[in-house]
Amino acid sequence: MPLSRLPPPSAVEMVIPGHAVGKVMGKGGSNIDNIRKISGAAVDIIDSKSSRGDQIAIISGTQEQKRAAENLIQAFIMAT
């Protein structure tokens, strides 16, 4: 099947625990910018309105880009 017939990639939501938001974002957004550059995925951080301060990362791109971004974000979460 030709690539042009694949459905558009859908976005993935990933919860970033409140204690890890600062680490994932980085100073002035530097870490999230690097995650975008390295993975090639579009990553938007939105407030989840949770009392714990959790936020949601909306990740879109190809399967590989999304997987790379998720892995990078997970690495920052694990480092907290």
N, C-alpha and C. Protein backbone atom coordinates (compact mmCIF):
# COMPACT_ATOMS: atom_id res chain seq x y z
N MET A 1 0.84 -1.19 0.00
CA MET A 1 0.00 0.00 0.00
C MET A 1 0.88 1.25 0.00
N PRO A 2 0.66 2.17 -0.90
CA PRO A 2 1.50 3.37 -0.96
C PRO A 2 1.35 4.22 0.30
N LEU A 3 2.41 4.89 0.67
CA LEU A 3 2.40 5.71 1.89
C LEU A 3 1.34 6.80 1.84
N SER A 4 1.03 7.30 0.66
CA SER A 4 0.09 8.41 0.56
C SER A 4 -1.33 8.01 1.00
N ARG A 5 -1.60 6.71 1.11
CA ARG A 5 -2.95 6.29 1.50
C ARG A 5 -3.10 6.05 2.99
N LEU A 6 -2.02 6.21 3.75
CA LEU A 6 -2.12 6.01 5.20
C LEU A 6 -2.94 7.14 5.81
N PRO A 7 -3.71 6.82 6.83
CA PRO A 7 -4.47 7.90 7.49
C PRO A 7 -3.52 8.87 8.17
N PRO A 8 -3.94 10.12 8.36
CA PRO A 8 -3.05 11.08 9.03
C PRO A 8 -2.74 10.60 10.44
N PRO A 9 -1.54 10.83 10.91
CA PRO A 9 -1.20 10.37 12.26
C PRO A 9 -2.05 11.06 13.31
N SER A 10 -2.46 10.32 14.29
CA SER A 10 -3.28 10.90 15.36
C SER A 10 -2.40 11.28 16.54
N ALA A 11 -2.87 12.22 17.30
CA ALA A 11 -2.10 12.70 18.44
C ALA A 11 -2.21 11.71 19.61
N VAL A 12 -1.18 11.71 20.42
CA VAL A 12 -1.11 10.88 21.62
C VAL A 12 -1.10 11.82 22.82
N GLU A 13 -1.81 11.46 23.88
CA GLU A 13 -1.77 12.24 25.11
C GLU A 13 -0.93 11.51 26.13
N MET A 14 -0.10 12.25 26.84
CA MET A 14 0.77 11.67 27.86
C MET A 14 0.70 12.55 29.09
N VAL A 15 0.45 11.94 30.24
CA VAL A 15 0.38 12.72 31.48
C VAL A 15 1.80 12.95 32.01
N ILE A 16 2.08 14.21 32.34
CA ILE A 16 3.35 14.55 32.98
C ILE A 16 3.02 14.87 34.44
N PRO A 17 3.51 14.05 35.37
CA PRO A 17 3.21 14.30 36.79
C PRO A 17 3.68 15.68 37.22
N GLY A 18 2.94 16.30 38.12
CA GLY A 18 3.24 17.66 38.57
C GLY A 18 4.69 17.85 38.98
N HIS A 19 5.26 16.86 39.69
CA HIS A 19 6.64 17.01 40.17
C HIS A 19 7.66 17.00 39.04
N ALA A 20 7.27 16.54 37.85
CA ALA A 20 8.21 16.40 36.73
C ALA A 20 8.04 17.47 35.66
N VAL A 21 7.00 18.30 35.78
CA VAL A 21 6.70 19.28 34.73
C VAL A 21 7.88 20.21 34.48
N GLY A 22 8.49 20.74 35.55
CA GLY A 22 9.62 21.65 35.41
C GLY A 22 10.79 21.00 34.71
N LYS A 23 11.05 19.74 35.04
CA LYS A 23 12.17 19.00 34.45
C LYS A 23 11.91 18.76 32.96
N VAL A 24 10.69 18.37 32.62
CA VAL A 24 10.36 18.11 31.21
C VAL A 24 10.43 19.40 30.40
N MET A 25 9.93 20.49 30.96
CA MET A 25 9.93 21.77 30.24
C MET A 25 11.35 22.32 30.10
N GLY A 26 12.12 22.26 31.17
CA GLY A 26 13.46 22.82 31.16
C GLY A 26 13.44 24.33 31.31
N LYS A 27 14.60 24.90 31.55
CA LYS A 27 14.71 26.35 31.75
C LYS A 27 14.32 27.08 30.47
N GLY A 28 13.31 27.92 30.54
CA GLY A 28 12.85 28.66 29.37
C GLY A 28 12.31 27.76 28.27
N GLY A 29 11.90 26.54 28.64
CA GLY A 29 11.35 25.61 27.64
C GLY A 29 12.42 24.88 26.84
N SER A 30 13.69 24.92 27.32
CA SER A 30 14.79 24.34 26.53
C SER A 30 14.66 22.83 26.36
N ASN A 31 14.23 22.12 27.40
CA ASN A 31 14.12 20.66 27.29
C ASN A 31 13.02 20.26 26.31
N ILE A 32 11.85 20.90 26.42
CA ILE A 32 10.74 20.55 25.52
C ILE A 32 11.11 20.93 24.08
N ASP A 33 11.85 22.02 23.90
CA ASP A 33 12.31 22.39 22.55
C ASP A 33 13.23 21.30 21.99
N ASN A 34 14.13 20.79 22.83
CA ASN A 34 15.03 19.72 22.39
C ASN A 34 14.27 18.44 22.07
N ILE A 35 13.26 18.13 22.88
CA ILE A 35 12.43 16.95 22.62
C ILE A 35 11.78 17.09 21.24
N ARG A 36 11.27 18.28 20.94
CA ARG A 36 10.65 18.52 19.62
C ARG A 36 11.68 18.35 18.51
N LYS A 37 12.88 18.93 18.69
CA LYS A 37 13.91 18.86 17.65
C LYS A 37 14.37 17.43 17.42
N ILE A 38 14.67 16.72 18.52
CA ILE A 38 15.23 15.37 18.41
C ILE A 38 14.19 14.40 17.83
N SER A 39 12.97 14.49 18.32
CA SER A 39 11.94 13.52 17.90
C SER A 39 11.30 13.88 16.56
N GLY A 40 11.25 15.18 16.24
CA GLY A 40 10.55 15.62 15.05
C GLY A 40 9.05 15.72 15.25
N ALA A 41 8.59 15.40 16.45
CA ALA A 41 7.15 15.45 16.75
C ALA A 41 6.75 16.85 17.20
N ALA A 42 5.46 17.16 17.03
CA ALA A 42 4.91 18.38 17.59
C ALA A 42 4.46 18.04 19.01
N VAL A 43 4.93 18.81 19.99
CA VAL A 43 4.59 18.54 21.39
C VAL A 43 4.01 19.81 22.00
N ASP A 44 2.78 19.72 22.48
CA ASP A 44 2.14 20.84 23.17
C ASP A 44 1.84 20.41 24.59
N ILE A 45 2.11 21.28 25.55
CA ILE A 45 1.84 20.99 26.95
C ILE A 45 0.61 21.78 27.37
N ILE A 46 -0.38 21.07 27.91
CA ILE A 46 -1.59 21.76 28.37
C ILE A 46 -1.84 21.41 29.83
N ASP A 47 -2.50 22.30 30.52
CA ASP A 47 -2.83 22.10 31.94
C ASP A 47 -3.95 21.09 32.04
N SER A 48 -3.78 20.08 32.89
CA SER A 48 -4.81 19.04 33.01
C SER A 48 -5.89 19.41 34.03
N LYS A 49 -5.73 20.54 34.72
CA LYS A 49 -6.67 20.97 35.75
C LYS A 49 -6.70 20.01 36.95
N SER A 50 -5.66 19.20 37.09
CA SER A 50 -5.63 18.28 38.23
C SER A 50 -5.10 19.02 39.45
N SER A 51 -5.51 18.59 40.62
CA SER A 51 -5.09 19.24 41.85
C SER A 51 -3.61 18.99 42.13
N ARG A 52 -3.02 17.96 41.51
CA ARG A 52 -1.61 17.63 41.75
C ARG A 52 -0.67 18.43 40.86
N GLY A 53 -1.23 19.23 39.94
CA GLY A 53 -0.38 20.02 39.06
C GLY A 53 0.11 19.24 37.84
N ASP A 54 -0.50 18.07 37.60
CA ASP A 54 -0.13 17.30 36.41
C ASP A 54 -0.45 18.11 35.16
N GLN A 55 0.30 17.85 34.10
CA GLN A 55 0.00 18.47 32.82
C GLN A 55 -0.03 17.38 31.76
N ILE A 56 -0.62 17.72 30.62
CA ILE A 56 -0.76 16.74 29.54
C ILE A 56 0.11 17.18 28.37
N ALA A 57 0.88 16.25 27.85
CA ALA A 57 1.64 16.49 26.62
C ALA A 57 0.82 15.93 25.47
N ILE A 58 0.51 16.76 24.49
CA ILE A 58 -0.17 16.31 23.27
C ILE A 58 0.93 16.15 22.22
N ILE A 59 1.13 14.92 21.78
CA ILE A 59 2.23 14.60 20.87
C ILE A 59 1.66 14.17 19.53
N SER A 60 2.09 14.84 18.45
CA SER A 60 1.63 14.42 17.13
C SER A 60 2.80 14.35 16.16
N GLY A 61 2.63 13.50 15.17
CA GLY A 61 3.67 13.25 14.17
C GLY A 61 3.52 11.82 13.68
N THR A 62 4.56 11.30 13.07
CA THR A 62 4.52 9.91 12.62
C THR A 62 4.63 9.00 13.84
N GLN A 63 4.38 7.71 13.66
CA GLN A 63 4.51 6.76 14.77
C GLN A 63 5.90 6.85 15.39
N GLU A 64 6.93 6.91 14.55
CA GLU A 64 8.31 6.97 15.05
C GLU A 64 8.55 8.26 15.83
N GLN A 65 8.05 9.38 15.30
CA GLN A 65 8.23 10.67 15.98
C GLN A 65 7.54 10.66 17.34
N LYS A 66 6.31 10.15 17.36
CA LYS A 66 5.56 10.11 18.62
C LYS A 66 6.27 9.22 19.64
N ARG A 67 6.74 8.05 19.18
CA ARG A 67 7.41 7.12 20.08
C ARG A 67 8.68 7.76 20.64
N ALA A 68 9.43 8.45 19.78
CA ALA A 68 10.67 9.11 20.22
C ALA A 68 10.36 10.18 21.26
N ALA A 69 9.34 11.00 21.00
CA ALA A 69 8.98 12.06 21.95
C ALA A 69 8.53 11.47 23.28
N GLU A 70 7.70 10.42 23.22
CA GLU A 70 7.24 9.77 24.46
C GLU A 70 8.42 9.23 25.26
N ASN A 71 9.38 8.59 24.58
CA ASN A 71 10.54 8.04 25.26
C ASN A 71 11.39 9.14 25.91
N LEU A 72 11.56 10.25 25.19
CA LEU A 72 12.33 11.36 25.73
C LEU A 72 11.64 11.98 26.95
N ILE A 73 10.33 12.19 26.84
CA ILE A 73 9.58 12.75 27.97
C ILE A 73 9.65 11.80 29.16
N GLN A 74 9.49 10.51 28.90
CA GLN A 74 9.55 9.51 29.97
C GLN A 74 10.92 9.55 30.66
N ALA A 75 11.97 9.74 29.88
CA ALA A 75 13.32 9.81 30.46
C ALA A 75 13.44 10.99 31.41
N PHE A 76 12.88 12.14 31.04
CA PHE A 76 12.91 13.31 31.94
C PHE A 76 12.07 13.05 33.18
N ILE A 77 10.93 12.39 33.04
CA ILE A 77 10.08 12.08 34.20
C ILE A 77 10.83 11.14 35.14
N MET A 78 11.50 10.12 34.59
CA MET A 78 12.24 9.16 35.40
C MET A 78 13.42 9.82 36.12
N ALA A 79 13.94 10.91 35.55
CA ALA A 79 15.11 11.58 36.12
C ALA A 79 14.75 12.48 37.30
N THR A 80 13.46 12.64 37.59
CA THR A 80 13.07 13.54 38.69
C THR A 80 13.09 12.81 40.02
